[in-house]
């Protein structure tokens, strides 16, 4: 009987990670499809915008929207990679051998990718602020746009925890290797 059937938490974690990775890929593909469509249907979009929010009916808006979509693609692909690395770690736990050097490397990579998420979120927040400064929205739409861009204390804490866990795993793998060498 393998560890997955003995430990339902591992099965749930693997299933959830597969689902989240699929969701990230679908999100990235959707954004990648939307980018050229913004420019293919440029005229129609600008006409529709001029009826709703005339201040947004500009080429600058379309390029800003393109940038936000591109940053979103980068962000979801970074998160996809984090989930992929975490799934690999969960696989080693299911195999019964998580304290291997590769998991320390995976945790370190996840920490750096978490920093990448922070940077991408900061850039996206700045782009959305630029969008908001371009738009003179009707009063009824002001409550509809709310974006929280910038650095996240939770994200920075996660990054720190991942770096520390990477060192713990690295040390654990080295200690096990040393112990096996003395037997």
C-alpha atoms as a PDB file:
ATOM      1  CA  UNK A   1       0.000   0.000   0.000  1.00  0.00           C
ATOM      2  CA  UNK A   2       1.524   3.304  -1.025  1.00  0.00           C
ATOM      3  CA  UNK A   3       1.622   6.497   1.047  1.00  0.00           C
ATOM      4  CA  UNK A   4      -1.148   8.165  -0.953  1.00  0.00           C
ATOM      5  CA  UNK A   5      -3.706   5.522  -0.066  1.00  0.00           C
ATOM      6  CA  UNK A   6      -2.529   5.532   3.557  1.00  0.00           C
ATOM      7  CA  UNK A   7      -2.516   9.308   3.876  1.00  0.00           C
ATOM      8  CA  UNK A   8      -5.612  11.014   2.457  1.00  0.00           C
ATOM      9  CA  UNK A   9      -4.056  14.445   3.110  1.00  0.00           C
ATOM     10  CA  UNK A  10      -1.375  13.694   0.497  1.00  0.00           C
ATOM     11  CA  UNK A  11      -4.034  12.614  -1.990  1.00  0.00           C
ATOM     12  CA  UNK A  12      -6.012  15.815  -1.360  1.00  0.00           C
ATOM     13  CA  UNK A  13      -2.849  17.924  -1.673  1.00  0.00           C
ATOM     14  CA  UNK A  14      -1.893  16.296  -4.969  1.00  0.00           C
ATOM     15  CA  UNK A  15      -5.404  16.673  -6.368  1.00  0.00           C
ATOM     16  CA  UNK A  16      -5.602  20.302  -5.305  1.00  0.00           C
ATOM     17  CA  UNK A  17      -2.177  21.057  -6.771  1.00  0.00           C
ATOM     18  CA  UNK A  18      -3.132  19.442 -10.088  1.00  0.00           C
ATOM     19  CA  UNK A  19      -6.327  21.522 -10.125  1.00  0.00           C
ATOM     20  CA  UNK A  20      -4.459  24.754  -9.304  1.00  0.00           C
ATOM     21  CA  UNK A  21      -1.802  24.085 -11.943  1.00  0.00           C
ATOM     22  CA  UNK A  22      -4.520  23.509 -14.553  1.00  0.00           C
ATOM     23  CA  UNK A  23      -6.242  26.723 -13.459  1.00  0.00           C
ATOM     24  CA  UNK A  24      -2.981  28.680 -13.834  1.00  0.00           C
ATOM     25  CA  UNK A  25      -2.408  27.287 -17.334  1.00  0.00           C
ATOM     26  CA  UNK A  26      -5.974  28.091 -18.384  1.00  0.00           C
ATOM     27  CA  UNK A  27      -5.536  31.626 -17.025  1.00  0.00           C
ATOM     28  CA  UNK A  28      -2.252  32.115 -18.892  1.00  0.00           C
ATOM     29  CA  UNK A  29      -3.679  30.822 -22.170  1.00  0.00           C
ATOM     30  CA  UNK A  30      -6.779  33.003 -21.786  1.00  0.00           C
ATOM     31  CA  UNK A  31      -4.650  36.118 -21.273  1.00  0.00           C
ATOM     32  CA  UNK A  32      -2.396  35.180 -24.191  1.00  0.00           C
ATOM     33  CA  UNK A  33      -5.456  34.854 -26.415  1.00  0.00           C
ATOM     34  CA  UNK A  34      -6.875  38.173 -25.154  1.00  0.00           C
ATOM     35  CA  UNK A  35      -3.716  40.160 -25.960  1.00  0.00           C
ATOM     36  CA  UNK A  36      -3.920  39.935 -29.761  1.00  0.00           C
ATOM     37  CA  UNK A  37      -7.719  40.142 -29.645  1.00  0.00           C
ATOM     38  CA  UNK A  38      -7.427  43.558 -27.978  1.00  0.00           C
ATOM     39  CA  UNK A  39      -5.627  44.799 -31.052  1.00  0.00           C
ATOM     40  CA  UNK A  40      -7.619  42.861 -33.656  1.00  0.00           C
ATOM     41  CA  UNK A  41     -10.858  44.333 -32.305  1.00  0.00           C
ATOM     42  CA  UNK A  42      -9.266  47.655 -31.416  1.00  0.00           C
ATOM     43  CA  UNK A  43     -11.864  49.779 -33.249  1.00  0.00           C
ATOM     44  CA  UNK A  44     -14.848  47.996 -31.704  1.00  0.00           C
ATOM     45  CA  UNK A  45     -13.316  48.212 -28.228  1.00  0.00           C
ATOM     46  CA  UNK A  46     -12.578  51.923 -28.577  1.00  0.00           C
ATOM     47  CA  UNK A  47     -16.128  52.619 -29.804  1.00  0.00           C
ATOM     48  CA  UNK A  48     -17.635  50.645 -26.898  1.00  0.00           C
ATOM     49  CA  UNK A  49     -15.360  52.446 -24.446  1.00  0.00           C
ATOM     50  CA  UNK A  50     -16.203  55.863 -25.866  1.00  0.00           C
ATOM     51  CA  UNK A  51     -19.872  55.161 -25.085  1.00  0.00           C
ATOM     52  CA  UNK A  52     -19.195  53.997 -21.505  1.00  0.00           C
ATOM     53  CA  UNK A  53     -16.009  55.719 -20.305  1.00  0.00           C
ATOM     54  CA  UNK A  54     -14.854  58.207 -22.955  1.00  0.00           C
ATOM     55  CA  UNK A  55     -11.553  58.941 -21.187  1.00  0.00           C
ATOM     56  CA  UNK A  56     -10.459  55.332 -21.736  1.00  0.00           C
ATOM     57  CA  UNK A  57     -11.117  55.297 -25.485  1.00  0.00           C
ATOM     58  CA  UNK A  58      -7.453  55.790 -26.396  1.00  0.00           C
ATOM     59  CA  UNK A  59      -4.600  53.763 -27.831  1.00  0.00           C
ATOM     60  CA  UNK A  60      -2.743  54.275 -24.552  1.00  0.00           C
ATOM     61  CA  UNK A  61      -5.472  52.387 -22.734  1.00  0.00           C
ATOM     62  CA  UNK A  62      -5.190  49.413 -25.087  1.00  0.00           C
ATOM     63  CA  UNK A  63      -1.426  49.273 -24.621  1.00  0.00           C
ATOM     64  CA  UNK A  64      -1.812  49.565 -20.872  1.00  0.00           C
ATOM     65  CA  UNK A  65      -4.373  46.737 -20.925  1.00  0.00           C
ATOM     66  CA  UNK A  66      -1.905  44.701 -23.010  1.00  0.00           C
ATOM     67  CA  UNK A  67       0.788  45.301 -20.400  1.00  0.00           C
ATOM     68  CA  UNK A  68      -1.521  44.276 -17.574  1.00  0.00           C
ATOM     69  CA  UNK A  69      -2.439  41.076 -19.430  1.00  0.00           C
ATOM     70  CA  UNK A  70       1.238  40.307 -20.123  1.00  0.00           C
ATOM     71  CA  UNK A  71       2.107  40.870 -16.456  1.00  0.00           C
ATOM     72  CA  UNK A  72      -0.800  38.608 -15.513  1.00  0.00           C
ATOM     73  CA  UNK A  73       0.604  35.865 -17.761  1.00  0.00           C
ATOM     74  CA  UNK A  74       3.994  36.205 -16.062  1.00  0.00           C
ATOM     75  CA  UNK A  75       2.377  36.140 -12.629  1.00  0.00           C
ATOM     76  CA  UNK A  76       0.250  33.043 -13.220  1.00  0.00           C
ATOM     77  CA  UNK A  77       3.180  31.188 -14.802  1.00  0.00           C
ATOM     78  CA  UNK A  78       5.321  31.970 -11.751  1.00  0.00           C
ATOM     79  CA  UNK A  79       2.541  30.678  -9.498  1.00  0.00           C
ATOM     80  CA  UNK A  80       2.176  27.611 -11.750  1.00  0.00           C
ATOM     81  CA  UNK A  81       5.878  26.864 -11.241  1.00  0.00           C
ATOM     82  CA  UNK A  82       5.522  27.251  -7.466  1.00  0.00           C
ATOM     83  CA  UNK A  83       2.658  24.738  -7.474  1.00  0.00           C
ATOM     84  CA  UNK A  84       4.682  22.405  -9.714  1.00  0.00           C
ATOM     85  CA  UNK A  85       7.644  22.492  -7.323  1.00  0.00           C
ATOM     86  CA  UNK A  86       5.361  21.950  -4.331  1.00  0.00           C
ATOM     87  CA  UNK A  87       3.791  18.950  -6.068  1.00  0.00           C
ATOM     88  CA  UNK A  88       7.256  17.488  -6.610  1.00  0.00           C
ATOM     89  CA  UNK A  89       7.954  17.871  -2.892  1.00  0.00           C
ATOM     90  CA  UNK A  90       4.617  16.240  -2.046  1.00  0.00           C
ATOM     91  CA  UNK A  91       5.596  13.356  -4.360  1.00  0.00           C
ATOM     92  CA  UNK A  92       8.796  12.776  -2.393  1.00  0.00           C
ATOM     93  CA  UNK A  93       6.796  12.814   0.846  1.00  0.00           C
ATOM     94  CA  UNK A  94       4.460  10.184  -0.641  1.00  0.00           C
ATOM     95  CA  UNK A  95       7.503   8.096  -1.579  1.00  0.00           C
ATOM     96  CA  UNK A  96       8.670   8.341   2.039  1.00  0.00           C
ATOM     97  CA  UNK A  97      11.892  10.253   1.373  1.00  0.00           C
ATOM     98  CA  UNK A  98      11.391  14.037   1.580  1.00  0.00           C
ATOM     99  CA  UNK A  99      14.834  14.937   2.988  1.00  0.00           C
ATOM    100  CA  UNK A 100      16.680  14.840  -0.301  1.00  0.00           C
ATOM    101  CA  UNK A 101      18.916  17.633  -1.596  1.00  0.00           C
ATOM    102  CA  UNK A 102      16.626  18.314  -4.564  1.00  0.00           C
ATOM    103  CA  UNK A 103      13.820  19.357  -2.183  1.00  0.00           C
ATOM    104  CA  UNK A 104      16.100  21.959  -0.610  1.00  0.00           C
ATOM    105  CA  UNK A 105      16.761  23.302  -4.106  1.00  0.00           C
ATOM    106  CA  UNK A 106      13.013  23.264  -4.854  1.00  0.00           C
ATOM    107  CA  UNK A 107      12.239  25.212  -1.681  1.00  0.00           C
ATOM    108  CA  UNK A 108      14.928  27.774  -2.506  1.00  0.00           C
ATOM    109  CA  UNK A 109      13.511  28.166  -6.010  1.00  0.00           C
ATOM    110  CA  UNK A 110      10.008  28.566  -4.545  1.00  0.00           C
ATOM    111  CA  UNK A 111      11.321  31.326  -2.255  1.00  0.00           C
ATOM    112  CA  UNK A 112      12.834  33.239  -5.184  1.00  0.00           C
ATOM    113  CA  UNK A 113       9.649  32.736  -7.213  1.00  0.00           C
ATOM    114  CA  UNK A 114       7.654  34.123  -4.283  1.00  0.00           C
ATOM    115  CA  UNK A 115       9.793  37.252  -4.540  1.00  0.00           C
ATOM    116  CA  UNK A 116       8.948  37.271  -8.267  1.00  0.00           C
ATOM    117  CA  UNK A 117       5.253  37.197  -7.373  1.00  0.00           C
ATOM    118  CA  UNK A 118       5.804  40.197  -5.094  1.00  0.00           C
ATOM    119  CA  UNK A 119       7.566  42.123  -7.867  1.00  0.00           C
ATOM    120  CA  UNK A 120       4.945  41.203 -10.493  1.00  0.00           C
ATOM    121  CA  UNK A 121       2.152  42.253  -8.133  1.00  0.00           C
ATOM    122  CA  UNK A 122       3.917  45.554  -7.488  1.00  0.00           C
ATOM    123  CA  UNK A 123       4.258  46.210 -11.249  1.00  0.00           C
ATOM    124  CA  UNK A 124       0.623  45.273 -11.841  1.00  0.00           C
ATOM    125  CA  UNK A 125      -0.488  47.576  -9.019  1.00  0.00           C
ATOM    126  CA  UNK A 126       1.401  50.451 -10.657  1.00  0.00           C
ATOM    127  CA  UNK A 127      -0.194  49.654 -14.023  1.00  0.00           C
ATOM    128  CA  UNK A 128      -3.662  49.592 -12.490  1.00  0.00           C
ATOM    129  CA  UNK A 129      -2.985  52.926 -10.785  1.00  0.00           C
ATOM    130  CA  UNK A 130      -2.022  54.303 -14.207  1.00  0.00           C
ATOM    131  CA  UNK A 131      -5.289  52.906 -15.559  1.00  0.00           C
ATOM    132  CA  UNK A 132      -7.259  54.552 -12.756  1.00  0.00           C
ATOM    133  CA  UNK A 133      -5.547  57.878 -13.410  1.00  0.00           C
ATOM    134  CA  UNK A 134      -6.532  57.653 -17.096  1.00  0.00           C
ATOM    135  CA  UNK A 135     -10.172  56.941 -16.348  1.00  0.00           C
ATOM    136  CA  UNK A 136     -12.690  59.464 -15.240  1.00  0.00           C
ATOM    137  CA  UNK A 137     -15.224  56.940 -14.039  1.00  0.00           C
ATOM    138  CA  UNK A 138     -18.860  57.666 -13.362  1.00  0.00           C
ATOM    139  CA  UNK A 139     -19.622  57.710  -9.598  1.00  0.00           C
ATOM    140  CA  UNK A 140     -21.524  54.394  -9.774  1.00  0.00           C
ATOM    141  CA  UNK A 141     -18.375  52.597 -11.067  1.00  0.00           C
ATOM    142  CA  UNK A 142     -15.959  53.799  -8.369  1.00  0.00           C
ATOM    143  CA  UNK A 143     -16.797  50.923  -6.030  1.00  0.00           C
ATOM    144  CA  UNK A 144     -16.313  48.336  -8.813  1.00  0.00           C
ATOM    145  CA  UNK A 145     -12.567  48.810  -9.210  1.00  0.00           C
ATOM    146  CA  UNK A 146     -10.437  47.756  -6.301  1.00  0.00           C
ATOM    147  CA  UNK A 147      -6.924  46.464  -6.741  1.00  0.00           C
ATOM    148  CA  UNK A 148      -4.469  45.770  -3.976  1.00  0.00           C
ATOM    149  CA  UNK A 149      -1.043  46.100  -5.581  1.00  0.00           C
ATOM    150  CA  UNK A 150       2.240  46.372  -3.803  1.00  0.00           C
ATOM    151  CA  UNK A 151       4.327  44.330  -1.458  1.00  0.00           C
ATOM    152  CA  UNK A 152       2.546  41.869   0.794  1.00  0.00           C
ATOM    153  CA  UNK A 153       3.756  41.165   4.303  1.00  0.00           C
ATOM    154  CA  UNK A 154       2.359  37.637   4.001  1.00  0.00           C
ATOM    155  CA  UNK A 155       4.228  37.075   0.745  1.00  0.00           C
ATOM    156  CA  UNK A 156       7.485  38.316   2.217  1.00  0.00           C
ATOM    157  CA  UNK A 157       6.952  36.113   5.281  1.00  0.00           C
ATOM    158  CA  UNK A 158       6.284  33.111   3.022  1.00  0.00           C
ATOM    159  CA  UNK A 159       9.510  33.845   1.159  1.00  0.00           C
ATOM    160  CA  UNK A 160      11.456  33.929   4.433  1.00  0.00           C
ATOM    161  CA  UNK A 161       9.847  30.678   5.626  1.00  0.00           C
ATOM    162  CA  UNK A 162      10.693  28.963   2.335  1.00  0.00           C
ATOM    163  CA  UNK A 163      14.341  30.039   2.542  1.00  0.00           C
ATOM    164  CA  UNK A 164      14.539  28.737   6.122  1.00  0.00           C
ATOM    165  CA  UNK A 165      12.825  25.453   5.205  1.00  0.00           C
ATOM    166  CA  UNK A 166      15.274  25.038   2.333  1.00  0.00           C
ATOM    167  CA  UNK A 167      18.141  25.281   4.819  1.00  0.00           C
ATOM    168  CA  UNK A 168      16.413  22.807   7.148  1.00  0.00           C
ATOM    169  CA  UNK A 169      15.970  20.342   4.279  1.00  0.00           C
ATOM    170  CA  UNK A 170      19.556  20.886   3.121  1.00  0.00           C
ATOM    171  CA  UNK A 171      20.853  20.257   6.651  1.00  0.00           C
ATOM    172  CA  UNK A 172      18.548  17.229   7.106  1.00  0.00           C
ATOM    173  CA  UNK A 173      19.748  15.697   3.838  1.00  0.00           C
ATOM    174  CA  UNK A 174      23.394  16.289   4.799  1.00  0.00           C
ATOM    175  CA  UNK A 175      22.877  14.770   8.261  1.00  0.00           C
ATOM    176  CA  UNK A 176      21.190  11.708   6.774  1.00  0.00           C
ATOM    177  CA  UNK A 177      23.988  11.327   4.237  1.00  0.00           C
ATOM    178  CA  UNK A 178      26.557  11.597   7.033  1.00  0.00           C
ATOM    179  CA  UNK A 179      24.675   9.051   9.147  1.00  0.00           C
ATOM    180  CA  UNK A 180      24.458   6.596   6.240  1.00  0.00           C
ATOM    181  CA  UNK A 181      28.206   7.021   5.683  1.00  0.00           C
ATOM    182  CA  UNK A 182      28.990   6.014   9.286  1.00  0.00           C
ATOM    183  CA  UNK A 183      26.908   2.831   9.241  1.00  0.00           C
END
